[in-house]
Amino acid sequence: MGIMNLGLQPSFDETFNVVTADGIAVGVPSVTSSSIEWTPERWWSHIPEDPSDIMKTAMYLLQDPFVVDEGRDCLIKYVKHGLRLWKKYLVKNDENQS
């Protein structure tokens, strides 16, 4: 994946998408959709069934040198939020069992 310039993941129903996260890890942005909610909105094809809209988003991603940093920041924020929720759940569950 590290030799790719761009990923295409305009999903209709995936909410996380490991392929997009793997791409970010090796410096490759992806055209996504709003269902992969943790990605930057500027990465979204707002009409994912329209190839021209996907292409418009792809061209933006290929021309902006900071998109990978933006995606990485969003992924880090998403993971931190998930960890906070998970810890809160574990504490609450532990209190209920005591």
C-alpha atoms as a PDB file:
ATOM      1  CA  MET A   1       0.000   0.000   0.000  1.00  0.00           C
ATOM      2  CA  GLY A   2       2.924   2.344   0.664  1.00  0.00           C
ATOM      3  CA  ILE A   3       3.632   2.667  -3.062  1.00  0.00           C
ATOM      4  CA  MET A   4       0.113   3.894  -3.816  1.00  0.00           C
ATOM      5  CA  ASN A   5      -0.714   7.574  -4.231  1.00  0.00           C
ATOM      6  CA  LEU A   6      -4.354   7.312  -3.220  1.00  0.00           C
ATOM      7  CA  GLY A   7      -6.916   4.883  -1.854  1.00  0.00           C
ATOM      8  CA  LEU A   8     -10.549   4.717  -2.933  1.00  0.00           C
ATOM      9  CA  GLN A   9     -12.919   3.762  -0.128  1.00  0.00           C
ATOM     10  CA  PRO A  10     -16.219   5.598  -0.821  1.00  0.00           C
ATOM     11  CA  SER A  11     -18.148   3.156   1.353  1.00  0.00           C
ATOM     12  CA  PHE A  12     -21.900   3.215   1.861  1.00  0.00           C
ATOM     13  CA  ASP A  13     -21.935   1.431   5.205  1.00  0.00           C
ATOM     14  CA  GLU A  14     -18.497   0.830   6.738  1.00  0.00           C
ATOM     15  CA  THR A  15     -17.889   3.024   9.735  1.00  0.00           C
ATOM     16  CA  PHE A  16     -14.212   2.444  10.497  1.00  0.00           C
ATOM     17  CA  ASN A  17     -12.460   0.987   7.417  1.00  0.00           C
ATOM     18  CA  VAL A  18      -9.124  -0.600   8.261  1.00  0.00           C
ATOM     19  CA  VAL A  19      -7.824  -0.059   4.709  1.00  0.00           C
ATOM     20  CA  THR A  20      -8.112   3.712   5.111  1.00  0.00           C
ATOM     21  CA  ALA A  21      -6.383   3.575   8.510  1.00  0.00           C
ATOM     22  CA  ASP A  22      -3.596   1.405   7.060  1.00  0.00           C
ATOM     23  CA  GLY A  23      -3.194   3.905   4.234  1.00  0.00           C
ATOM     24  CA  ILE A  24      -2.791   6.770   6.669  1.00  0.00           C
ATOM     25  CA  ALA A  25      -0.151   4.765   8.545  1.00  0.00           C
ATOM     26  CA  VAL A  26       1.976   4.591   5.390  1.00  0.00           C
ATOM     27  CA  GLY A  27       1.188   8.093   4.127  1.00  0.00           C
ATOM     28  CA  VAL A  28      -1.600   7.352   1.645  1.00  0.00           C
ATOM     29  CA  PRO A  29      -4.879   9.337   1.809  1.00  0.00           C
ATOM     30  CA  SER A  30      -8.191   7.857   0.649  1.00  0.00           C
ATOM     31  CA  VAL A  31     -11.333   9.147  -0.956  1.00  0.00           C
ATOM     32  CA  THR A  32     -13.983   8.113   1.555  1.00  0.00           C
ATOM     33  CA  SER A  33     -17.607   8.935   2.294  1.00  0.00           C
ATOM     34  CA  SER A  34     -19.499  10.218   5.300  1.00  0.00           C
ATOM     35  CA  SER A  35     -20.042   6.668   6.576  1.00  0.00           C
ATOM     36  CA  ILE A  36     -16.332   6.552   7.493  1.00  0.00           C
ATOM     37  CA  GLU A  37     -17.067   9.372   9.867  1.00  0.00           C
ATOM     38  CA  TRP A  38     -13.636   9.697  11.449  1.00  0.00           C
ATOM     39  CA  THR A  39     -11.979  10.752   8.198  1.00  0.00           C
ATOM     40  CA  PRO A  40     -11.694  14.463   7.410  1.00  0.00           C
ATOM     41  CA  GLU A  41     -14.820  15.754   5.698  1.00  0.00           C
ATOM     42  CA  ARG A  42     -12.648  17.081   2.876  1.00  0.00           C
ATOM     43  CA  TRP A  43     -11.788  13.434   2.102  1.00  0.00           C
ATOM     44  CA  TRP A  44     -15.449  12.549   1.569  1.00  0.00           C
ATOM     45  CA  SER A  45     -17.041  12.058  -1.774  1.00  0.00           C
ATOM     46  CA  HIS A  46     -20.421  13.596  -0.973  1.00  0.00           C
ATOM     47  CA  ILE A  47     -22.020  11.621  -3.798  1.00  0.00           C
ATOM     48  CA  PRO A  48     -20.112   8.309  -3.553  1.00  0.00           C
ATOM     49  CA  GLU A  49     -22.027   6.694  -6.401  1.00  0.00           C
ATOM     50  CA  ASP A  50     -20.907   9.482  -8.773  1.00  0.00           C
ATOM     51  CA  PRO A  51     -17.480   8.836 -10.346  1.00  0.00           C
ATOM     52  CA  SER A  52     -16.995  12.526 -11.152  1.00  0.00           C
ATOM     53  CA  ASP A  53     -17.502  13.474  -7.500  1.00  0.00           C
ATOM     54  CA  ILE A  54     -15.024  10.776  -6.454  1.00  0.00           C
ATOM     55  CA  MET A  55     -12.554  12.162  -9.004  1.00  0.00           C
ATOM     56  CA  LYS A  56     -13.019  15.729  -7.740  1.00  0.00           C
ATOM     57  CA  THR A  57     -12.180  14.599  -4.198  1.00  0.00           C
ATOM     58  CA  ALA A  58      -9.276  12.493  -5.468  1.00  0.00           C
ATOM     59  CA  MET A  59      -7.733  15.439  -7.297  1.00  0.00           C
ATOM     60  CA  TYR A  60      -7.950  17.556  -4.158  1.00  0.00           C
ATOM     61  CA  LEU A  61      -6.252  14.836  -2.086  1.00  0.00           C
ATOM     62  CA  LEU A  62      -3.474  14.370  -4.625  1.00  0.00           C
ATOM     63  CA  GLN A  63      -2.704  18.100  -4.728  1.00  0.00           C
ATOM     64  CA  ASP A  64      -2.685  18.975  -1.020  1.00  0.00           C
ATOM     65  CA  PRO A  65       0.576  17.941   0.680  1.00  0.00           C
ATOM     66  CA  PHE A  66      -0.986  18.124   4.167  1.00  0.00           C
ATOM     67  CA  VAL A  67      -3.923  15.737   3.735  1.00  0.00           C
ATOM     68  CA  VAL A  68      -2.140  12.767   5.292  1.00  0.00           C
ATOM     69  CA  ASP A  69      -1.330  14.789   8.416  1.00  0.00           C
ATOM     70  CA  GLU A  70      -4.963  15.878   8.563  1.00  0.00           C
ATOM     71  CA  GLY A  71      -6.114  12.266   8.263  1.00  0.00           C
ATOM     72  CA  ARG A  72      -3.627  11.076  10.853  1.00  0.00           C
ATOM     73  CA  ASP A  73      -4.842  13.739  13.296  1.00  0.00           C
ATOM     74  CA  CYS A  74      -8.448  12.649  12.771  1.00  0.00           C
ATOM     75  CA  LEU A  75      -7.554   8.983  13.280  1.00  0.00           C
ATOM     76  CA  ILE A  76      -5.660   9.743  16.492  1.00  0.00           C
ATOM     77  CA  LYS A  77      -8.603  11.790  17.781  1.00  0.00           C
ATOM     78  CA  TYR A  78     -11.026   8.961  16.898  1.00  0.00           C
ATOM     79  CA  VAL A  79      -8.912   6.324  18.655  1.00  0.00           C
ATOM     80  CA  LYS A  80      -8.462   8.477  21.777  1.00  0.00           C
ATOM     81  CA  HIS A  81     -12.217   9.045  21.924  1.00  0.00           C
ATOM     82  CA  GLY A  82     -12.822   5.307  21.598  1.00  0.00           C
ATOM     83  CA  LEU A  83     -10.354   4.559  24.389  1.00  0.00           C
ATOM     84  CA  ARG A  84     -12.070   7.082  26.678  1.00  0.00           C
ATOM     85  CA  LEU A  85     -15.443   5.446  26.000  1.00  0.00           C
ATOM     86  CA  TRP A  86     -14.025   1.971  26.544  1.00  0.00           C
ATOM     87  CA  LYS A  87     -12.382   2.961  29.858  1.00  0.00           C
ATOM     88  CA  LYS A  88     -15.606   4.631  31.015  1.00  0.00           C
ATOM     89  CA  TYR A  89     -17.524   1.460  30.189  1.00  0.00           C
ATOM     90  CA  LEU A  90     -15.021  -0.735  32.035  1.00  0.00           C
ATOM     91  CA  VAL A  91     -15.117   1.454  35.156  1.00  0.00           C
ATOM     92  CA  LYS A  92     -18.917   1.527  35.132  1.00  0.00           C
ATOM     93  CA  ASN A  93     -19.101  -2.237  34.584  1.00  0.00           C
ATOM     94  CA  ASP A  94     -16.571  -2.843  37.383  1.00  0.00           C
ATOM     95  CA  GLU A  95     -18.605  -0.660  39.781  1.00  0.00           C
ATOM     96  CA  ASN A  96     -21.781  -2.593  38.953  1.00  0.00           C
ATOM     97  CA  GLN A  97     -20.085  -5.891  39.790  1.00  0.00           C
ATOM     98  CA  SER A  98     -18.770  -4.678  43.164  1.00  0.00           C
END
